Amino acid sequence: MSATTTPAQGKQLLHLVFGGELVDLDSVDFTDLSKLDIVGIFPNYASAHTAWKAKAQATVDNAHMRYFVVHLHRLLDPLTSAGDKH
């Protein structure tokens, strides 16, 4: 997968995919921050979702393991990203 986006592909909307084992299913506190699985940073939501889904399905046997998609573009530029769907 290429980490760049050409003008024909649209605006680059960075997304981070990461996960780890949670202390409790009702929180987002991780058991060990040094063991977080940083899957990667992706140029759009579709590719981030594909990576998230693969990791989530691979760890389905561990109920405390969770993966997340973080919309980095919203954190980096909250004013212009306010109307983005993903």
N, C-alpha and C. Protein backbone atom coordinates (compact mmCIF):
# COMPACT_ATOMS: atom_id res chain seq x y z
N MET A 1 0.83 -1.17 0.00
CA MET A 1 0.00 0.00 0.00
C MET A 1 0.88 1.24 0.00
N SER A 2 0.53 2.19 -0.80
CA SER A 2 1.28 3.44 -0.87
C SER A 2 0.78 4.39 0.22
N ALA A 3 1.70 5.10 0.84
CA ALA A 3 1.33 6.03 1.90
C ALA A 3 1.03 7.42 1.36
N THR A 4 1.03 7.56 0.06
CA THR A 4 0.75 8.87 -0.53
C THR A 4 -0.59 8.86 -1.24
N THR A 5 -1.13 10.03 -1.43
CA THR A 5 -2.38 10.18 -2.14
C THR A 5 -2.17 11.16 -3.28
N THR A 6 -2.54 10.76 -4.47
CA THR A 6 -2.43 11.66 -5.61
C THR A 6 -3.70 12.49 -5.71
N PRO A 7 -3.67 13.61 -6.41
CA PRO A 7 -4.86 14.43 -6.55
C PRO A 7 -6.07 13.65 -7.11
N ALA A 8 -5.82 12.68 -7.95
CA ALA A 8 -6.92 11.90 -8.52
C ALA A 8 -7.59 11.03 -7.44
N GLN A 9 -6.86 10.69 -6.39
CA GLN A 9 -7.41 9.87 -5.32
C GLN A 9 -8.17 10.69 -4.28
N GLY A 10 -8.04 11.98 -4.29
CA GLY A 10 -8.73 12.84 -3.34
C GLY A 10 -7.81 13.31 -2.22
N LYS A 11 -8.42 13.99 -1.27
CA LYS A 11 -7.70 14.58 -0.15
C LYS A 11 -7.12 13.50 0.76
N GLN A 12 -5.91 13.74 1.24
CA GLN A 12 -5.25 12.81 2.16
C GLN A 12 -5.83 13.02 3.56
N LEU A 13 -6.48 11.99 4.09
CA LEU A 13 -7.08 12.04 5.41
C LEU A 13 -6.43 10.95 6.26
N LEU A 14 -5.43 11.34 7.04
CA LEU A 14 -4.64 10.36 7.79
C LEU A 14 -5.42 9.70 8.91
N HIS A 15 -5.24 8.37 9.04
CA HIS A 15 -5.87 7.57 10.08
C HIS A 15 -4.84 6.64 10.70
N LEU A 16 -4.86 6.54 12.02
CA LEU A 16 -3.99 5.64 12.77
C LEU A 16 -4.79 4.43 13.21
N VAL A 17 -4.22 3.24 13.02
CA VAL A 17 -4.85 2.01 13.51
C VAL A 17 -3.91 1.42 14.56
N PHE A 18 -4.46 1.18 15.74
CA PHE A 18 -3.68 0.58 16.82
C PHE A 18 -4.60 -0.23 17.72
N GLY A 19 -4.00 -1.06 18.55
CA GLY A 19 -4.80 -1.85 19.47
C GLY A 19 -3.98 -2.39 20.61
N GLY A 20 -4.68 -3.03 21.51
CA GLY A 20 -4.03 -3.63 22.66
C GLY A 20 -5.05 -4.31 23.54
N GLU A 21 -4.56 -4.94 24.57
CA GLU A 21 -5.43 -5.65 25.49
C GLU A 21 -5.96 -4.69 26.55
N LEU A 22 -7.27 -4.68 26.74
CA LEU A 22 -7.91 -3.78 27.69
C LEU A 22 -7.96 -4.39 29.09
N VAL A 23 -7.88 -3.53 30.11
CA VAL A 23 -8.02 -3.97 31.49
C VAL A 23 -9.44 -4.47 31.72
N ASP A 24 -10.40 -3.72 31.18
CA ASP A 24 -11.82 -4.01 31.39
C ASP A 24 -12.55 -3.75 30.08
N LEU A 25 -13.56 -4.54 29.81
CA LEU A 25 -14.30 -4.37 28.55
C LEU A 25 -15.11 -3.08 28.50
N ASP A 26 -15.33 -2.46 29.63
CA ASP A 26 -16.12 -1.23 29.68
C ASP A 26 -15.26 0.03 29.69
N SER A 27 -13.97 -0.11 29.41
CA SER A 27 -13.08 1.05 29.41
C SER A 27 -12.13 0.97 28.22
N VAL A 28 -11.33 1.99 28.08
CA VAL A 28 -10.28 1.98 27.06
C VAL A 28 -8.92 2.12 27.73
N ASP A 29 -8.79 1.53 28.90
CA ASP A 29 -7.51 1.48 29.61
C ASP A 29 -6.81 0.18 29.22
N PHE A 30 -5.57 0.31 28.77
CA PHE A 30 -4.81 -0.84 28.30
C PHE A 30 -4.02 -1.47 29.45
N THR A 31 -3.86 -2.80 29.39
CA THR A 31 -3.13 -3.52 30.44
C THR A 31 -1.66 -3.16 30.45
N ASP A 32 -1.06 -2.95 29.29
CA ASP A 32 0.37 -2.65 29.21
C ASP A 32 0.63 -1.79 27.97
N LEU A 33 0.88 -0.51 28.20
CA LEU A 33 1.09 0.42 27.08
C LEU A 33 2.30 0.06 26.23
N SER A 34 3.27 -0.62 26.82
CA SER A 34 4.46 -1.00 26.05
C SER A 34 4.15 -2.12 25.04
N LYS A 35 2.99 -2.73 25.18
CA LYS A 35 2.61 -3.82 24.27
C LYS A 35 1.53 -3.40 23.26
N LEU A 36 1.29 -2.10 23.13
CA LEU A 36 0.33 -1.64 22.13
C LEU A 36 0.81 -2.06 20.74
N ASP A 37 -0.12 -2.48 19.93
CA ASP A 37 0.18 -2.88 18.55
C ASP A 37 -0.15 -1.70 17.64
N ILE A 38 0.88 -1.00 17.19
CA ILE A 38 0.69 0.12 16.26
C ILE A 38 0.70 -0.47 14.85
N VAL A 39 -0.48 -0.61 14.28
CA VAL A 39 -0.63 -1.23 12.97
C VAL A 39 -0.07 -0.32 11.88
N GLY A 40 -0.40 0.97 11.95
CA GLY A 40 0.12 1.90 10.96
C GLY A 40 -0.72 3.14 10.80
N ILE A 41 -0.23 4.02 9.95
CA ILE A 41 -0.94 5.24 9.58
C ILE A 41 -1.32 5.10 8.12
N PHE A 42 -2.58 5.39 7.81
CA PHE A 42 -3.13 5.15 6.48
C PHE A 42 -3.66 6.45 5.87
N PRO A 43 -3.62 6.57 4.54
CA PRO A 43 -3.97 7.83 3.88
C PRO A 43 -5.47 8.08 3.74
N ASN A 44 -6.29 7.11 4.10
CA ASN A 44 -7.74 7.28 3.99
C ASN A 44 -8.45 6.28 4.90
N TYR A 45 -9.72 6.53 5.14
CA TYR A 45 -10.48 5.68 6.05
C TYR A 45 -10.65 4.26 5.52
N ALA A 46 -10.84 4.12 4.23
CA ALA A 46 -11.06 2.78 3.65
C ALA A 46 -9.89 1.85 3.91
N SER A 47 -8.67 2.32 3.70
CA SER A 47 -7.51 1.47 3.94
C SER A 47 -7.29 1.24 5.43
N ALA A 48 -7.59 2.23 6.26
CA ALA A 48 -7.49 2.06 7.71
C ALA A 48 -8.52 1.04 8.19
N HIS A 49 -9.71 1.11 7.67
CA HIS A 49 -10.77 0.16 8.05
C HIS A 49 -10.39 -1.27 7.67
N THR A 50 -9.80 -1.44 6.50
CA THR A 50 -9.36 -2.77 6.06
C THR A 50 -8.31 -3.33 7.03
N ALA A 51 -7.36 -2.51 7.43
CA ALA A 51 -6.32 -2.94 8.37
C ALA A 51 -6.92 -3.22 9.75
N TRP A 52 -7.82 -2.37 10.20
CA TRP A 52 -8.49 -2.56 11.48
C TRP A 52 -9.27 -3.88 11.50
N LYS A 53 -10.01 -4.12 10.44
CA LYS A 53 -10.84 -5.32 10.36
C LYS A 53 -9.98 -6.59 10.39
N ALA A 54 -8.87 -6.58 9.67
CA ALA A 54 -7.98 -7.75 9.64
C ALA A 54 -7.41 -8.03 11.03
N LYS A 55 -6.97 -6.98 11.72
CA LYS A 55 -6.42 -7.17 13.07
C LYS A 55 -7.51 -7.60 14.05
N ALA A 56 -8.67 -7.00 13.97
CA ALA A 56 -9.77 -7.34 14.87
C ALA A 56 -10.20 -8.80 14.67
N GLN A 57 -10.28 -9.23 13.43
CA GLN A 57 -10.67 -10.62 13.16
C GLN A 57 -9.58 -11.59 13.59
N ALA A 58 -8.32 -11.21 13.49
CA ALA A 58 -7.22 -12.09 13.87
C ALA A 58 -7.14 -12.29 15.38
N THR A 59 -7.72 -11.37 16.15
CA THR A 59 -7.64 -11.45 17.61
C THR A 59 -9.01 -11.71 18.24
N VAL A 60 -9.93 -12.24 17.49
CA VAL A 60 -11.30 -12.44 17.96
C VAL A 60 -11.37 -13.39 19.16
N ASP A 61 -10.41 -14.27 19.33
CA ASP A 61 -10.43 -15.21 20.45
C ASP A 61 -10.08 -14.56 21.79
N ASN A 62 -9.51 -13.36 21.77
CA ASN A 62 -9.17 -12.65 22.99
C ASN A 62 -10.18 -11.51 23.17
N ALA A 63 -11.14 -11.70 24.05
CA ALA A 63 -12.22 -10.72 24.23
C ALA A 63 -11.72 -9.36 24.70
N HIS A 64 -10.57 -9.32 25.35
CA HIS A 64 -10.05 -8.06 25.87
C HIS A 64 -9.19 -7.30 24.86
N MET A 65 -8.93 -7.90 23.73
CA MET A 65 -8.11 -7.24 22.70
C MET A 65 -9.00 -6.37 21.83
N ARG A 66 -8.63 -5.11 21.70
CA ARG A 66 -9.42 -4.17 20.89
C ARG A 66 -8.49 -3.37 19.98
N TYR A 67 -9.00 -3.10 18.79
CA TYR A 67 -8.29 -2.24 17.84
C TYR A 67 -9.15 -1.02 17.56
N PHE A 68 -8.49 0.09 17.28
CA PHE A 68 -9.17 1.36 17.09
C PHE A 68 -8.65 2.06 15.84
N VAL A 69 -9.52 2.88 15.25
CA VAL A 69 -9.13 3.76 14.15
C VAL A 69 -9.23 5.19 14.69
N VAL A 70 -8.11 5.90 14.65
CA VAL A 70 -8.07 7.29 15.12
C VAL A 70 -7.98 8.19 13.90
N HIS A 71 -8.87 9.15 13.82
CA HIS A 71 -8.91 10.08 12.70
C HIS A 71 -7.87 11.19 12.94
N LEU A 72 -6.64 10.93 12.55
CA LEU A 72 -5.56 11.90 12.78
C LEU A 72 -5.82 13.23 12.08
N HIS A 73 -6.41 13.18 10.92
CA HIS A 73 -6.67 14.42 10.17
C HIS A 73 -7.56 15.36 10.95
N ARG A 74 -8.44 14.82 11.78
CA ARG A 74 -9.32 15.66 12.60
C ARG A 74 -8.54 16.31 13.74
N LEU A 75 -7.55 15.60 14.25
CA LEU A 75 -6.72 16.16 15.32
C LEU A 75 -5.74 17.20 14.78
N LEU A 76 -5.24 16.96 13.58
CA LEU A 76 -4.25 17.85 12.99
C LEU A 76 -4.85 19.15 12.48
N ASP A 77 -6.09 19.06 11.99
CA ASP A 77 -6.73 20.23 11.40
C ASP A 77 -8.23 20.19 11.70
N PRO A 78 -8.63 20.45 12.95
CA PRO A 78 -10.03 20.27 13.34
C PRO A 78 -11.01 21.19 12.62
N LEU A 79 -10.60 22.36 12.22
CA LEU A 79 -11.52 23.28 11.57
C LEU A 79 -11.92 22.83 10.17
N THR A 80 -10.97 22.36 9.38
CA THR A 80 -11.29 21.96 8.02
C THR A 80 -11.81 20.53 7.94
N SER A 81 -11.60 19.75 8.99
CA SER A 81 -12.04 18.36 8.98
C SER A 81 -13.40 18.17 9.63
N ALA A 82 -14.00 19.23 10.11
CA ALA A 82 -15.27 19.12 10.83
C ALA A 82 -16.39 18.49 10.01
N GLY A 83 -16.40 18.72 8.72
CA GLY A 83 -17.46 18.18 7.88
C GLY A 83 -17.15 16.84 7.24
N ASP A 84 -15.97 16.29 7.47
CA ASP A 84 -15.59 15.00 6.87
C ASP A 84 -16.40 13.87 7.46
N LYS A 85 -16.86 12.95 6.60
CA LYS A 85 -17.60 11.78 7.06
C LYS A 85 -16.65 10.80 7.76
N HIS A 86 -15.45 10.64 7.23
CA HIS A 86 -14.48 9.71 7.82
C HIS A 86 -13.24 10.50 8.05
